[in-house]
Amino acid sequence: MKEIKSEKDYREQISQDQISVGVFTTTWCPDCKRLSMFIDEIIDENQDKQWFKIDSDDFPEISEAQQVMGIPSLLVFKNGEKLAHLHSANAKTPEQVQEFFSNLQISSNKN
């Protein structure tokens, strides 16, 4: 999973003509640590998407602009537009995250 190091990296990542999933997290968050224990399996099941990780503490302006009120949150982007948002309250178990992606009605293919 690509780690975002600058706002430029973030903008380039979300502007792709491919589905991109941002994992908004921090180093101190217990639920983020729990997510990190199972996210690799989710990524393996969703290899058609580009994945990136962004530390909400390092980029508070991005988190605010994307309405990330809790962490961890997973945001889905394509062509610079936010298409879906899995809020922290619903991202605590592998089943919740898998269900989110199962119900996602977004094509990752170019139209």
C-alpha atoms as a PDB file:
ATOM      1  CA  MET A   1       0.000   0.000   0.000  1.00  0.00           C
ATOM      2  CA  LYS A   2       1.441   3.338  -1.047  1.00  0.00           C
ATOM      3  CA  GLU A   3       2.058   5.778   1.797  1.00  0.00           C
ATOM      4  CA  ILE A   4       1.168   9.388   1.047  1.00  0.00           C
ATOM      5  CA  LYS A   5       4.060  11.722   1.827  1.00  0.00           C
ATOM      6  CA  SER A   6       2.774  15.003   0.345  1.00  0.00           C
ATOM      7  CA  GLU A   7      -0.408  16.694  -0.779  1.00  0.00           C
ATOM      8  CA  LYS A   8       0.887  16.308  -4.359  1.00  0.00           C
ATOM      9  CA  ASP A   9       1.124  12.513  -3.872  1.00  0.00           C
ATOM     10  CA  TYR A  10      -2.449  12.511  -2.592  1.00  0.00           C
ATOM     11  CA  ARG A  11      -3.790  14.577  -5.516  1.00  0.00           C
ATOM     12  CA  GLU A  12      -2.031  12.342  -8.044  1.00  0.00           C
ATOM     13  CA  GLN A  13      -3.357   9.218  -6.351  1.00  0.00           C
ATOM     14  CA  ILE A  14      -7.019  10.251  -6.286  1.00  0.00           C
ATOM     15  CA  SER A  15      -6.929  11.716  -9.817  1.00  0.00           C
ATOM     16  CA  GLN A  16      -6.291   8.379 -11.483  1.00  0.00           C
ATOM     17  CA  ASP A  17      -8.766   6.953 -13.999  1.00  0.00           C
ATOM     18  CA  GLN A  18      -8.808   3.837 -11.847  1.00  0.00           C
ATOM     19  CA  ILE A  19     -10.494   3.160  -8.529  1.00  0.00           C
ATOM     20  CA  SER A  20      -8.235   4.293  -5.701  1.00  0.00           C
ATOM     21  CA  VAL A  21      -8.889   3.479  -2.036  1.00  0.00           C
ATOM     22  CA  GLY A  22      -7.498   5.713   0.672  1.00  0.00           C
ATOM     23  CA  VAL A  23      -7.062   4.333   4.173  1.00  0.00           C
ATOM     24  CA  PHE A  24      -7.151   7.314   6.544  1.00  0.00           C
ATOM     25  CA  THR A  25      -5.419   6.362   9.774  1.00  0.00           C
ATOM     26  CA  THR A  26      -3.031   7.547  12.513  1.00  0.00           C
ATOM     27  CA  THR A  27      -0.243   5.950  14.513  1.00  0.00           C
ATOM     28  CA  TRP A  28      -2.023   6.202  17.883  1.00  0.00           C
ATOM     29  CA  CYS A  29      -5.496   4.884  16.977  1.00  0.00           C
ATOM     30  CA  PRO A  30      -6.396   1.440  18.460  1.00  0.00           C
ATOM     31  CA  ASP A  31      -8.998   0.741  15.752  1.00  0.00           C
ATOM     32  CA  CYS A  32      -6.370   1.586  13.109  1.00  0.00           C
ATOM     33  CA  LYS A  33      -4.057  -1.018  14.605  1.00  0.00           C
ATOM     34  CA  ARG A  34      -6.891  -3.552  14.480  1.00  0.00           C
ATOM     35  CA  LEU A  35      -7.580  -2.650  10.816  1.00  0.00           C
ATOM     36  CA  SER A  36      -3.907  -3.153   9.976  1.00  0.00           C
ATOM     37  CA  MET A  37      -4.230  -6.764  11.202  1.00  0.00           C
ATOM     38  CA  PHE A  38      -6.689  -7.663   8.423  1.00  0.00           C
ATOM     39  CA  ILE A  39      -6.416  -5.007   5.689  1.00  0.00           C
ATOM     40  CA  ASP A  40      -3.846  -6.993   3.664  1.00  0.00           C
ATOM     41  CA  GLU A  41      -6.436  -9.731   3.100  1.00  0.00           C
ATOM     42  CA  ILE A  42      -8.956  -7.116   1.913  1.00  0.00           C
ATOM     43  CA  ILE A  43      -6.354  -5.615  -0.438  1.00  0.00           C
ATOM     44  CA  ASP A  44      -5.609  -9.092  -1.848  1.00  0.00           C
ATOM     45  CA  GLU A  45      -9.335  -9.537  -2.575  1.00  0.00           C
ATOM     46  CA  ASN A  46      -9.495  -6.106  -4.261  1.00  0.00           C
ATOM     47  CA  GLN A  47      -6.384  -6.037  -6.415  1.00  0.00           C
ATOM     48  CA  ASP A  48      -8.267  -4.193  -9.157  1.00  0.00           C
ATOM     49  CA  LYS A  49      -7.996  -1.072  -6.984  1.00  0.00           C
ATOM     50  CA  GLN A  50      -5.021   1.159  -6.165  1.00  0.00           C
ATOM     51  CA  TRP A  51      -4.526   1.410  -2.393  1.00  0.00           C
ATOM     52  CA  PHE A  52      -2.931   4.205  -0.399  1.00  0.00           C
ATOM     53  CA  LYS A  53      -2.522   5.092   3.245  1.00  0.00           C
ATOM     54  CA  ILE A  54      -2.673   8.623   4.602  1.00  0.00           C
ATOM     55  CA  ASP A  55      -1.993   9.728   8.168  1.00  0.00           C
ATOM     56  CA  SER A  56      -4.819  12.052   9.205  1.00  0.00           C
ATOM     57  CA  ASP A  57      -2.543  13.798  11.708  1.00  0.00           C
ATOM     58  CA  ASP A  58      -0.027  14.645   8.975  1.00  0.00           C
ATOM     59  CA  PHE A  59      -2.709  15.948   6.589  1.00  0.00           C
ATOM     60  CA  PRO A  60      -5.557  17.382   8.692  1.00  0.00           C
ATOM     61  CA  GLU A  61      -6.668  19.695   5.881  1.00  0.00           C
ATOM     62  CA  ILE A  62      -7.217  16.737   3.547  1.00  0.00           C
ATOM     63  CA  SER A  63      -9.078  14.813   6.230  1.00  0.00           C
ATOM     64  CA  GLU A  64     -11.300  17.812   6.906  1.00  0.00           C
ATOM     65  CA  ALA A  65     -11.965  18.444   3.214  1.00  0.00           C
ATOM     66  CA  GLN A  66     -12.976  14.786   2.785  1.00  0.00           C
ATOM     67  CA  GLN A  67     -15.150  14.838   5.940  1.00  0.00           C
ATOM     68  CA  VAL A  68     -13.096  12.199   7.727  1.00  0.00           C
ATOM     69  CA  MET A  69     -14.533  12.594  11.213  1.00  0.00           C
ATOM     70  CA  GLY A  70     -13.206   9.336  12.620  1.00  0.00           C
ATOM     71  CA  ILE A  71     -10.402   6.938  11.930  1.00  0.00           C
ATOM     72  CA  PRO A  72      -9.843   4.543  10.384  1.00  0.00           C
ATOM     73  CA  SER A  73     -11.920   5.535   7.376  1.00  0.00           C
ATOM     74  CA  LEU A  74     -11.741   4.144   3.860  1.00  0.00           C
ATOM     75  CA  LEU A  75     -12.492   6.488   0.972  1.00  0.00           C
ATOM     76  CA  VAL A  76     -12.958   5.459  -2.639  1.00  0.00           C
ATOM     77  CA  PHE A  77     -11.914   7.825  -5.446  1.00  0.00           C
ATOM     78  CA  LYS A  78     -11.855   7.919  -9.220  1.00  0.00           C
ATOM     79  CA  ASN A  79     -10.828  10.847 -11.421  1.00  0.00           C
ATOM     80  CA  GLY A  80     -10.489  13.083  -8.347  1.00  0.00           C
ATOM     81  CA  GLU A  81     -14.047  12.474  -7.158  1.00  0.00           C
ATOM     82  CA  LYS A  82     -14.917  10.773  -3.867  1.00  0.00           C
ATOM     83  CA  LEU A  83     -17.329   7.973  -4.734  1.00  0.00           C
ATOM     84  CA  ALA A  84     -17.765   6.219  -1.380  1.00  0.00           C
ATOM     85  CA  HIS A  85     -16.762   6.543   2.265  1.00  0.00           C
ATOM     86  CA  LEU A  86     -16.634   3.789   4.878  1.00  0.00           C
ATOM     87  CA  HIS A  87     -16.780   5.663   8.162  1.00  0.00           C
ATOM     88  CA  SER A  88     -14.767   4.538  11.162  1.00  0.00           C
ATOM     89  CA  ALA A  89     -17.780   3.199  13.071  1.00  0.00           C
ATOM     90  CA  ASN A  90     -18.346   0.683  10.253  1.00  0.00           C
ATOM     91  CA  ALA A  91     -14.698  -0.270   9.638  1.00  0.00           C
ATOM     92  CA  LYS A  92     -13.935  -2.218  12.786  1.00  0.00           C
ATOM     93  CA  THR A  93     -14.118  -5.806  11.497  1.00  0.00           C
ATOM     94  CA  PRO A  94     -12.997  -7.644   8.360  1.00  0.00           C
ATOM     95  CA  GLU A  95     -16.637  -8.528   7.690  1.00  0.00           C
ATOM     96  CA  GLN A  96     -17.722  -4.864   7.730  1.00  0.00           C
ATOM     97  CA  VAL A  97     -14.975  -3.855   5.306  1.00  0.00           C
ATOM     98  CA  GLN A  98     -15.596  -6.855   3.018  1.00  0.00           C
ATOM     99  CA  GLU A  99     -19.325  -6.059   2.966  1.00  0.00           C
ATOM    100  CA  PHE A 100     -18.559  -2.436   2.037  1.00  0.00           C
ATOM    101  CA  PHE A 101     -16.537  -3.557  -0.993  1.00  0.00           C
ATOM    102  CA  SER A 102     -19.078  -6.257  -1.917  1.00  0.00           C
ATOM    103  CA  ASN A 103     -21.836  -3.640  -2.013  1.00  0.00           C
ATOM    104  CA  LEU A 104     -19.732  -1.038  -3.828  1.00  0.00           C
ATOM    105  CA  GLN A 105     -21.457  -0.336  -7.145  1.00  0.00           C
ATOM    106  CA  ILE A 106     -18.468   1.207  -8.909  1.00  0.00           C
ATOM    107  CA  SER A 107     -16.733  -0.176 -11.940  1.00  0.00           C
ATOM    108  CA  SER A 108     -12.962  -0.056 -11.844  1.00  0.00           C
ATOM    109  CA  ASN A 109     -12.819  -0.506 -15.619  1.00  0.00           C
ATOM    110  CA  LYS A 110     -12.282   2.429 -17.937  1.00  0.00           C
ATOM    111  CA  ASN A 111     -15.485   3.555 -19.611  1.00  0.00           C
END
